[in-house]
Amino acid sequence: MAPKSKSKSSTATAKTNGAQAAEAIPHQWPSLTPVLAAEDLTLDIMLPDQIVTVSNLMTPTLCAKYVNFLRSLPLTTTPTTPQKGHAVRVNDRYQVQDPTFAAALWEQTALKDLVTQHGKTTGSSDTWGGEVLGLSSNIRIYRYAPGHFFGAHYDDFNNVHFTDSLDPSKSSIPAVTTWTLLLYLSTCEGGETVFHPEPASKKAPTPKPVSVAPEMGMALLHRHGRECMLHEGKEVTGGEKWVIRSDLCVRRCK
C-alpha cells in the first residue's frame, strides 16, 4: 500500500495538480460509437478491492478512430530528468480539463453501469471508496513508443469539485478521486502495468506481482491514494501504447 508519509518512501508518488497542469479548452472528441452494452461485458476482479478490468469497453473500430484523433493533439514528451520525488517516466502526453468528455466516457460507454452494478452486487460502497459520482474532468492522454516506460510509483488522490456537465444548474459537489482509470486504445509488445502487492506481515512471503498487459479496448481500474499498490509501466518494446487516463470520483466526506 502507499506510504502514509511520502517522505518515508524511496519510491515516487505520481501527483497531478488538476486544472493547474491541464488546458481548459474542450475538444471535438469523436463520438463514442459503436460500444458494447453492459450486459455483454464483465467487470473482472483481478485483485479484490484493488484491480479490476473490463475487456472490450471500446470496440477496435472506436479505438482506431480515437488513436487517429489523438495523433492530432499537441503531445509533449516528459522531461528525461524527473522532478524530485517523482518517478522516472518517459512518454508523450497531453492533458485537458473537459467535464463534457468525462461525462460522455462515463455515461455513453458501459463503464457507469458496470461500476455501479458491481457496488450493488457486493452491497458495499467500500469497493470504490464512497458514493460514486463519475469520472474526473482531468483527462490525460499517454503515448508510449518503443523504449518508453513509467518507473515504480504510487498514484496519489486529488480533492476535486465534481460538476455534472449534463445538468449545469446543479452546484458542484466536493469529491475525491479513489481509483485510477486507464483505457487502452492499442495493443503493443511490452508495456505491461505491473503491481507489487505487499506481504501481509513482516514474516509473510512477498506475493507475486500482478501483471496486466495492454489490450485494445480494455479498461483497467486500480485503487489509488493511501490504498494504492506500488506499480510500474514496463518498457514498450514494439508498437505503441495509447492510453486515455481519468480517475473515479466519489463524494467527499465532510
C-alpha atoms as a PDB file:
ATOM      1  CA  MET A   1       0.000   0.000   0.000  1.00  0.00           C
ATOM      2  CA  ALA A   2       1.054   3.620  -0.387  1.00  0.00           C
ATOM      3  CA  PRO A   3       3.121   5.001   2.477  1.00  0.00           C
ATOM      4  CA  LYS A   4       1.267   7.161   4.991  1.00  0.00           C
ATOM      5  CA  SER A   5       4.088   9.655   4.710  1.00  0.00           C
ATOM      6  CA  LYS A   6       5.643  10.350   1.343  1.00  0.00           C
ATOM      7  CA  SER A   7       8.978  11.099   2.993  1.00  0.00           C
ATOM      8  CA  LYS A   8       9.114   7.506   4.249  1.00  0.00           C
ATOM      9  CA  SER A   9       9.040   6.102   0.744  1.00  0.00           C
ATOM     10  CA  SER A  10      12.044   5.850  -1.517  1.00  0.00           C
ATOM     11  CA  THR A  11       9.655   5.499  -4.435  1.00  0.00           C
ATOM     12  CA  ALA A  12       7.992   8.421  -6.132  1.00  0.00           C
ATOM     13  CA  THR A  13       4.336   9.317  -5.863  1.00  0.00           C
ATOM     14  CA  ALA A  14       2.529  10.400  -9.021  1.00  0.00           C
ATOM     15  CA  LYS A  15       0.555  13.524  -8.148  1.00  0.00           C
ATOM     16  CA  THR A  16      -1.485  15.504 -10.651  1.00  0.00           C
ATOM     17  CA  ASN A  17      -2.445  19.070  -9.871  1.00  0.00           C
ATOM     18  CA  GLY A  18      -5.662  19.035 -11.850  1.00  0.00           C
ATOM     19  CA  ALA A  19      -6.580  22.256 -13.596  1.00  0.00           C
ATOM     20  CA  GLN A  20      -3.219  23.880 -12.828  1.00  0.00           C
ATOM     21  CA  ALA A  21      -1.499  21.433 -15.197  1.00  0.00           C
ATOM     22  CA  ALA A  22      -4.184  21.000 -17.834  1.00  0.00           C
ATOM     23  CA  GLU A  23      -5.598  23.029 -20.676  1.00  0.00           C
ATOM     24  CA  ALA A  24      -9.205  24.111 -20.255  1.00  0.00           C
ATOM     25  CA  ILE A  25     -10.052  24.068 -23.954  1.00  0.00           C
ATOM     26  CA  PRO A  26     -12.626  21.384 -24.818  1.00  0.00           C
ATOM     27  CA  HIS A  27     -12.101  19.337 -27.960  1.00  0.00           C
ATOM     28  CA  GLN A  28     -14.436  17.851 -30.519  1.00  0.00           C
ATOM     29  CA  TRP A  29     -13.844  14.278 -29.446  1.00  0.00           C
ATOM     30  CA  PRO A  30     -15.027  11.542 -31.822  1.00  0.00           C
ATOM     31  CA  SER A  31     -18.421  10.114 -30.951  1.00  0.00           C
ATOM     32  CA  LEU A  32     -18.287   7.135 -28.607  1.00  0.00           C
ATOM     33  CA  THR A  33     -19.847   4.703 -31.065  1.00  0.00           C
ATOM     34  CA  PRO A  34     -20.017   1.825 -31.533  1.00  0.00           C
ATOM     35  CA  VAL A  35     -19.770   0.414 -27.996  1.00  0.00           C
ATOM     36  CA  LEU A  36     -20.978  -2.794 -26.378  1.00  0.00           C
ATOM     37  CA  ALA A  37     -23.779  -2.793 -23.802  1.00  0.00           C
ATOM     38  CA  ALA A  38     -23.030  -3.522 -20.152  1.00  0.00           C
ATOM     39  CA  GLU A  39     -24.868  -6.851 -20.295  1.00  0.00           C
ATOM     40  CA  ASP A  40     -22.373  -8.024 -22.928  1.00  0.00           C
ATOM     41  CA  LEU A  41     -19.343  -7.128 -20.793  1.00  0.00           C
ATOM     42  CA  THR A  42     -17.862  -8.243 -17.489  1.00  0.00           C
ATOM     43  CA  LEU A  43     -16.060  -6.393 -14.734  1.00  0.00           C
ATOM     44  CA  ASP A  44     -13.255  -8.853 -13.979  1.00  0.00           C
ATOM     45  CA  ILE A  45     -11.751  -8.709 -10.492  1.00  0.00           C
ATOM     46  CA  MET A  46      -8.012  -9.389 -10.670  1.00  0.00           C
ATOM     47  CA  LEU A  47      -7.393  -8.481  -7.035  1.00  0.00           C
ATOM     48  CA  PRO A  48     -10.376  -7.762  -4.749  1.00  0.00           C
ATOM     49  CA  ASP A  49     -10.799  -4.066  -3.912  1.00  0.00           C
ATOM     50  CA  GLN A  50      -7.590  -3.267  -5.800  1.00  0.00           C
ATOM     51  CA  ILE A  51      -7.525  -4.164  -9.507  1.00  0.00           C
ATOM     52  CA  VAL A  52     -10.392  -4.704 -11.954  1.00  0.00           C
ATOM     53  CA  THR A  53     -10.506  -4.841 -15.746  1.00  0.00           C
ATOM     54  CA  VAL A  54     -13.171  -4.602 -18.444  1.00  0.00           C
ATOM     55  CA  SER A  55     -12.269  -6.128 -21.798  1.00  0.00           C
ATOM     56  CA  ASN A  56     -13.807  -4.601 -24.943  1.00  0.00           C
ATOM     57  CA  LEU A  57     -15.144  -1.490 -23.225  1.00  0.00           C
ATOM     58  CA  MET A  58     -14.274   0.199 -26.519  1.00  0.00           C
ATOM     59  CA  THR A  59     -14.510  -1.661 -29.821  1.00  0.00           C
ATOM     60  CA  PRO A  60     -11.496  -1.963 -32.180  1.00  0.00           C
ATOM     61  CA  THR A  61     -13.223   0.397 -34.628  1.00  0.00           C
ATOM     62  CA  LEU A  62     -13.693   3.018 -31.927  1.00  0.00           C
ATOM     63  CA  CYS A  63     -10.133   2.589 -30.646  1.00  0.00           C
ATOM     64  CA  ALA A  64      -8.722   3.125 -34.134  1.00  0.00           C
ATOM     65  CA  LYS A  65     -10.869   6.232 -34.559  1.00  0.00           C
ATOM     66  CA  TYR A  66      -9.600   7.648 -31.263  1.00  0.00           C
ATOM     67  CA  VAL A  67      -5.936   6.891 -31.925  1.00  0.00           C
ATOM     68  CA  ASN A  68      -6.221   8.693 -35.257  1.00  0.00           C
ATOM     69  CA  PHE A  69      -7.767  11.694 -33.488  1.00  0.00           C
ATOM     70  CA  LEU A  70      -5.261  11.721 -30.622  1.00  0.00           C
ATOM     71  CA  ARG A  71      -2.350  11.869 -33.047  1.00  0.00           C
ATOM     72  CA  SER A  72      -3.541  15.379 -33.963  1.00  0.00           C
ATOM     73  CA  LEU A  73      -3.148  16.671 -30.392  1.00  0.00           C
ATOM     74  CA  PRO A  74      -0.025  18.619 -29.328  1.00  0.00           C
ATOM     75  CA  LEU A  75       1.615  15.867 -27.276  1.00  0.00           C
ATOM     76  CA  THR A  76       4.705  16.750 -25.254  1.00  0.00           C
ATOM     77  CA  THR A  77       7.470  14.396 -24.170  1.00  0.00           C
ATOM     78  CA  THR A  78       8.081  14.146 -20.435  1.00  0.00           C
ATOM     79  CA  PRO A  79      11.425  15.503 -19.155  1.00  0.00           C
ATOM     80  CA  THR A  80      14.211  12.926 -19.085  1.00  0.00           C
ATOM     81  CA  THR A  81      15.132  14.119 -15.585  1.00  0.00           C
ATOM     82  CA  PRO A  82      12.074  13.926 -13.278  1.00  0.00           C
ATOM     83  CA  GLN A  83      11.286  16.410 -10.537  1.00  0.00           C
ATOM     84  CA  LYS A  84      12.411  15.492  -7.046  1.00  0.00           C
ATOM     85  CA  GLY A  85      10.059  12.890  -5.559  1.00  0.00           C
ATOM     86  CA  HIS A  86       8.627  11.874  -8.945  1.00  0.00           C
ATOM     87  CA  ALA A  87       9.068   8.539 -10.670  1.00  0.00           C
ATOM     88  CA  VAL A  88      11.140   8.282 -13.833  1.00  0.00           C
ATOM     89  CA  ARG A  89       8.754   8.373 -16.778  1.00  0.00           C
ATOM     90  CA  VAL A  90       9.373   8.603 -20.498  1.00  0.00           C
ATOM     91  CA  ASN A  91       6.298   9.051 -22.679  1.00  0.00           C
ATOM     92  CA  ASP A  92       4.363  11.578 -24.720  1.00  0.00           C
ATOM     93  CA  ARG A  93       1.366  13.111 -23.027  1.00  0.00           C
ATOM     94  CA  TYR A  94      -1.436  15.642 -23.260  1.00  0.00           C
ATOM     95  CA  GLN A  95      -3.775  16.924 -20.559  1.00  0.00           C
ATOM     96  CA  VAL A  96      -7.067  18.801 -20.723  1.00  0.00           C
ATOM     97  CA  GLN A  97      -9.920  19.744 -18.377  1.00  0.00           C
ATOM     98  CA  ASP A  98     -13.051  18.532 -20.154  1.00  0.00           C
ATOM     99  CA  PRO A  99     -16.059  17.644 -17.965  1.00  0.00           C
ATOM    100  CA  THR A 100     -18.234  17.046 -21.040  1.00  0.00           C
ATOM    101  CA  PHE A 101     -15.962  14.330 -22.404  1.00  0.00           C
ATOM    102  CA  ALA A 102     -15.517  12.834 -18.921  1.00  0.00           C
ATOM    103  CA  ALA A 103     -19.305  12.584 -18.610  1.00  0.00           C
ATOM    104  CA  ALA A 104     -19.605  11.040 -22.079  1.00  0.00           C
ATOM    105  CA  LEU A 105     -16.957   8.440 -21.295  1.00  0.00           C
ATOM    106  CA  TRP A 106     -18.840   7.581 -18.101  1.00  0.00           C
ATOM    107  CA  GLU A 107     -22.392   7.680 -19.426  1.00  0.00           C
ATOM    108  CA  GLN A 108     -22.120   6.565 -23.052  1.00  0.00           C
ATOM    109  CA  THR A 109     -19.894   3.526 -22.532  1.00  0.00           C
ATOM    110  CA  ALA A 110     -20.806   0.643 -20.221  1.00  0.00           C
ATOM    111  CA  LEU A 111     -18.470   1.924 -17.513  1.00  0.00           C
ATOM    112  CA  LYS A 112     -21.115   3.571 -15.330  1.00  0.00           C
ATOM    113  CA  ASP A 113     -23.420   0.545 -15.353  1.00  0.00           C
ATOM    114  CA  LEU A 114     -20.599  -1.894 -14.651  1.00  0.00           C
ATOM    115  CA  VAL A 115     -19.161   0.119 -11.758  1.00  0.00           C
ATOM    116  CA  THR A 116     -22.451   0.977 -10.083  1.00  0.00           C
ATOM    117  CA  GLN A 117     -23.894  -2.500 -10.592  1.00  0.00           C
ATOM    118  CA  HIS A 118     -20.775  -4.023  -9.057  1.00  0.00           C
ATOM    119  CA  GLY A 119     -21.365  -1.899  -5.967  1.00  0.00           C
ATOM    120  CA  LYS A 120     -24.947  -3.136  -5.735  1.00  0.00           C
ATOM    121  CA  THR A 121     -23.829  -6.737  -6.150  1.00  0.00           C
ATOM    122  CA  THR A 122     -21.286  -6.556  -3.358  1.00  0.00           C
ATOM    123  CA  GLY A 123     -23.577  -4.458  -1.198  1.00  0.00           C
ATOM    124  CA  SER A 124     -20.701  -2.233  -0.168  1.00  0.00           C
ATOM    125  CA  SER A 125     -19.610   1.246  -1.219  1.00  0.00           C
ATOM    126  CA  ASP A 126     -16.201   0.479   0.303  1.00  0.00           C
ATOM    127  CA  THR A 127     -15.124  -1.055  -3.007  1.00  0.00           C
ATOM    128  CA  TRP A 128     -14.967   2.352  -4.676  1.00  0.00           C
ATOM    129  CA  GLY A 129     -14.351   4.400  -1.534  1.00  0.00           C
ATOM    130  CA  GLY A 130     -17.776   6.017  -1.283  1.00  0.00           C
ATOM    131  CA  GLU A 131     -20.715   7.198  -3.379  1.00  0.00           C
ATOM    132  CA  VAL A 132     -19.521   7.145  -6.989  1.00  0.00           C
ATOM    133  CA  LEU A 133     -20.214  10.375  -8.909  1.00  0.00           C
ATOM    134  CA  GLY A 134     -18.439   9.763 -12.207  1.00  0.00           C
ATOM    135  CA  LEU A 135     -15.077  10.457 -13.829  1.00  0.00           C
ATOM    136  CA  SER A 136     -12.702  13.321 -13.182  1.00  0.00           C
ATOM    137  CA  SER A 137     -12.724  16.056 -15.814  1.00  0.00           C
ATOM    138  CA  ASN A 138      -8.916  15.938 -15.788  1.00  0.00           C
ATOM    139  CA  ILE A 139      -8.317  13.910 -18.956  1.00  0.00           C
ATOM    140  CA  ARG A 140      -4.803  12.732 -19.763  1.00  0.00           C
ATOM    141  CA  ILE A 141      -3.580  11.160 -22.983  1.00  0.00           C
ATOM    142  CA  TYR A 142      -0.461   8.974 -22.955  1.00  0.00           C
ATOM    143  CA  ARG A 143       1.514   7.566 -25.865  1.00  0.00           C
ATOM    144  CA  TYR A 144       4.296   5.111 -25.110  1.00  0.00           C
ATOM    145  CA  ALA A 145       6.566   4.430 -28.089  1.00  0.00           C
ATOM    146  CA  PRO A 146       9.282   1.740 -28.081  1.00  0.00           C
ATOM    147  CA  GLY A 147      11.706   2.500 -25.253  1.00  0.00           C
ATOM    148  CA  HIS A 148       9.114   4.421 -23.212  1.00  0.00           C
ATOM    149  CA  PHE A 149       8.238   3.317 -19.673  1.00  0.00           C
ATOM    150  CA  PHE A 150       6.981   4.523 -16.275  1.00  0.00           C
ATOM    151  CA  GLY A 151       9.065   3.684 -13.205  1.00  0.00           C
ATOM    152  CA  ALA A 152       7.671   2.254  -9.967  1.00  0.00           C
ATOM    153  CA  HIS A 153       5.369   4.712  -8.214  1.00  0.00           C
ATOM    154  CA  TYR A 154       2.145   5.251  -6.293  1.00  0.00           C
ATOM    155  CA  ASP A 155      -0.834   7.221  -7.675  1.00  0.00           C
ATOM    156  CA  ASP A 156      -1.969   9.873  -5.209  1.00  0.00           C
ATOM    157  CA  PHE A 157      -5.547  11.067  -4.723  1.00  0.00           C
ATOM    158  CA  ASN A 158      -6.911  14.527  -5.543  1.00  0.00           C
ATOM    159  CA  ASN A 159      -9.614  16.561  -3.842  1.00  0.00           C
ATOM    160  CA  VAL A 160     -11.797  17.981  -6.612  1.00  0.00           C
ATOM    161  CA  HIS A 161     -15.152  19.662  -7.188  1.00  0.00           C
ATOM    162  CA  PHE A 162     -17.308  17.420  -9.350  1.00  0.00           C
ATOM    163  CA  THR A 163     -19.606  19.140 -11.842  1.00  0.00           C
ATOM    164  CA  ASP A 164     -22.462  17.419 -13.640  1.00  0.00           C
ATOM    165  CA  SER A 165     -21.972  18.632 -17.215  1.00  0.00           C
ATOM    166  CA  LEU A 166     -25.357  17.143 -18.168  1.00  0.00           C
ATOM    167  CA  ASP A 167     -27.070  19.478 -15.687  1.00  0.00           C
ATOM    168  CA  PRO A 168     -25.071  22.736 -15.335  1.00  0.00           C
ATOM    169  CA  SER A 169     -27.731  24.133 -12.970  1.00  0.00           C
ATOM    170  CA  LYS A 170     -26.535  21.774 -10.236  1.00  0.00           C
ATOM    171  CA  SER A 171     -23.929  23.022  -7.795  1.00  0.00           C
ATOM    172  CA  SER A 172     -20.521  21.374  -7.873  1.00  0.00           C
ATOM    173  CA  ILE A 173     -20.021  18.580  -5.348  1.00  0.00           C
ATOM    174  CA  PRO A 174     -16.917  18.240  -3.140  1.00  0.00           C
ATOM    175  CA  ALA A 175     -15.332  14.967  -4.250  1.00  0.00           C
ATOM    176  CA  VAL A 176     -12.158  12.923  -4.022  1.00  0.00           C
ATOM    177  CA  THR A 177     -10.556  10.589  -6.544  1.00  0.00           C
ATOM    178  CA  THR A 178     -10.198   6.974  -5.388  1.00  0.00           C
ATOM    179  CA  TRP A 179      -9.401   4.792  -8.403  1.00  0.00           C
ATOM    180  CA  THR A 180      -7.228   5.320 -11.491  1.00  0.00           C
ATOM    181  CA  LEU A 181      -8.810   4.577 -14.885  1.00  0.00           C
ATOM    182  CA  LEU A 182      -6.532   3.532 -17.742  1.00  0.00           C
ATOM    183  CA  LEU A 183      -8.297   2.915 -21.045  1.00  0.00           C
ATOM    184  CA  TYR A 184      -6.035   1.162 -23.537  1.00  0.00           C
ATOM    185  CA  LEU A 185      -6.605   2.071 -27.176  1.00  0.00           C
ATOM    186  CA  SER A 186      -3.960  -0.228 -28.632  1.00  0.00           C
ATOM    187  CA  THR A 187      -2.137  -3.493 -28.088  1.00  0.00           C
ATOM    188  CA  CYS A 188       1.660  -3.458 -28.049  1.00  0.00           C
ATOM    189  CA  GLU A 189       4.680  -5.548 -27.149  1.00  0.00           C
ATOM    190  CA  GLY A 190       5.777  -4.973 -23.560  1.00  0.00           C
ATOM    191  CA  GLY A 191       4.154  -2.060 -21.744  1.00  0.00           C
ATOM    192  CA  GLU A 192       2.558  -4.176 -19.016  1.00  0.00           C
ATOM    193  CA  THR A 193       1.317  -2.449 -15.858  1.00  0.00           C
ATOM    194  CA  VAL A 194       2.841  -4.483 -13.034  1.00  0.00           C
ATOM    195  CA  PHE A 195       1.577  -4.222  -9.454  1.00  0.00           C
ATOM    196  CA  HIS A 196       3.679  -5.225  -6.459  1.00  0.00           C
ATOM    197  CA  PRO A 197       1.486  -6.295  -3.502  1.00  0.00           C
ATOM    198  CA  GLU A 198       2.980  -6.036  -0.035  1.00  0.00           C
ATOM    199  CA  PRO A 199       3.212  -9.076   2.260  1.00  0.00           C
ATOM    200  CA  ALA A 200       0.502  -9.379   4.908  1.00  0.00           C
ATOM    201  CA  SER A 201       3.150  -9.218   7.655  1.00  0.00           C
ATOM    202  CA  LYS A 202       6.903  -8.871   8.038  1.00  0.00           C
ATOM    203  CA  LYS A 203       7.296 -12.646   8.241  1.00  0.00           C
ATOM    204  CA  ALA A 204       4.906 -13.430   5.397  1.00  0.00           C
ATOM    205  CA  PRO A 205       6.307 -14.173   1.926  1.00  0.00           C
ATOM    206  CA  THR A 206       6.142 -11.418  -0.665  1.00  0.00           C
ATOM    207  CA  PRO A 207       3.169 -12.004  -3.007  1.00  0.00           C
ATOM    208  CA  LYS A 208       3.821 -12.477  -6.698  1.00  0.00           C
ATOM    209  CA  PRO A 209       3.467  -9.345  -8.851  1.00  0.00           C
ATOM    210  CA  VAL A 210       0.222  -8.872 -10.756  1.00  0.00           C
ATOM    211  CA  SER A 211       0.800  -8.025 -14.418  1.00  0.00           C
ATOM    212  CA  VAL A 212      -1.783  -6.511 -16.783  1.00  0.00           C
ATOM    213  CA  ALA A 213      -0.861  -6.458 -20.463  1.00  0.00           C
ATOM    214  CA  PRO A 214      -2.275  -3.656 -22.645  1.00  0.00           C
ATOM    215  CA  GLU A 215      -5.226  -4.901 -24.658  1.00  0.00           C
ATOM    216  CA  MET A 216      -7.023  -2.779 -27.242  1.00  0.00           C
ATOM    217  CA  GLY A 217     -10.316  -1.520 -25.819  1.00  0.00           C
ATOM    218  CA  MET A 218      -9.686  -2.731 -22.272  1.00  0.00           C
ATOM    219  CA  ALA A 219     -10.247  -0.568 -19.203  1.00  0.00           C
ATOM    220  CA  LEU A 220      -8.026  -1.058 -16.156  1.00  0.00           C
ATOM    221  CA  LEU A 221      -9.166   0.367 -12.825  1.00  0.00           C
ATOM    222  CA  HIS A 222      -6.878   0.283  -9.809  1.00  0.00           C
ATOM    223  CA  ARG A 223      -7.151   1.805  -6.369  1.00  0.00           C
ATOM    224  CA  HIS A 224      -5.021   4.829  -5.574  1.00  0.00           C
ATOM    225  CA  GLY A 225      -4.259   7.176  -2.682  1.00  0.00           C
ATOM    226  CA  ARG A 226      -3.489   5.546   0.665  1.00  0.00           C
ATOM    227  CA  GLU A 227      -4.672   2.170  -0.646  1.00  0.00           C
ATOM    228  CA  CYS A 228      -2.531   2.288  -3.787  1.00  0.00           C
ATOM    229  CA  MET A 229      -0.134  -0.542  -4.542  1.00  0.00           C
ATOM    230  CA  LEU A 230       3.342   0.130  -5.851  1.00  0.00           C
ATOM    231  CA  HIS A 231       3.185  -0.302  -9.618  1.00  0.00           C
ATOM    232  CA  GLU A 232       5.110   0.410 -12.799  1.00  0.00           C
ATOM    233  CA  GLY A 233       4.639   0.603 -16.539  1.00  0.00           C
ATOM    234  CA  LYS A 234       7.092  -1.736 -18.240  1.00  0.00           C
ATOM    235  CA  GLU A 235       9.051  -0.613 -21.271  1.00  0.00           C
ATOM    236  CA  VAL A 236       7.258  -0.817 -24.600  1.00  0.00           C
ATOM    237  CA  THR A 237       9.345  -2.962 -26.947  1.00  0.00           C
ATOM    238  CA  GLY A 238       7.175  -2.915 -30.059  1.00  0.00           C
ATOM    239  CA  GLY A 239       4.272  -0.893 -31.407  1.00  0.00           C
ATOM    240  CA  GLU A 240       2.700   1.957 -29.453  1.00  0.00           C
ATOM    241  CA  LYS A 241       0.684   2.027 -26.249  1.00  0.00           C
ATOM    242  CA  TRP A 242      -2.082   4.653 -26.362  1.00  0.00           C
ATOM    243  CA  VAL A 243      -3.961   5.351 -23.143  1.00  0.00           C
ATOM    244  CA  ILE A 244      -6.796   7.608 -22.001  1.00  0.00           C
ATOM    245  CA  ARG A 245      -6.434   8.323 -18.274  1.00  0.00           C
ATOM    246  CA  SER A 246      -9.013   9.654 -15.830  1.00  0.00           C
ATOM    247  CA  ASP A 247      -9.985   8.931 -12.220  1.00  0.00           C
ATOM    248  CA  LEU A 248     -13.082   7.702 -10.442  1.00  0.00           C
ATOM    249  CA  CYS A 249     -14.651  10.406  -8.248  1.00  0.00           C
ATOM    250  CA  VAL A 250     -16.685   9.765  -5.095  1.00  0.00           C
ATOM    251  CA  ARG A 251     -18.497  12.188  -2.832  1.00  0.00           C
ATOM    252  CA  ARG A 252     -16.089  13.637  -0.283  1.00  0.00           C
ATOM    253  CA  CYS A 253     -16.984  13.066   3.357  1.00  0.00           C
ATOM    254  CA  LYS A 254     -17.250  16.261   5.370  1.00  0.00           C
END
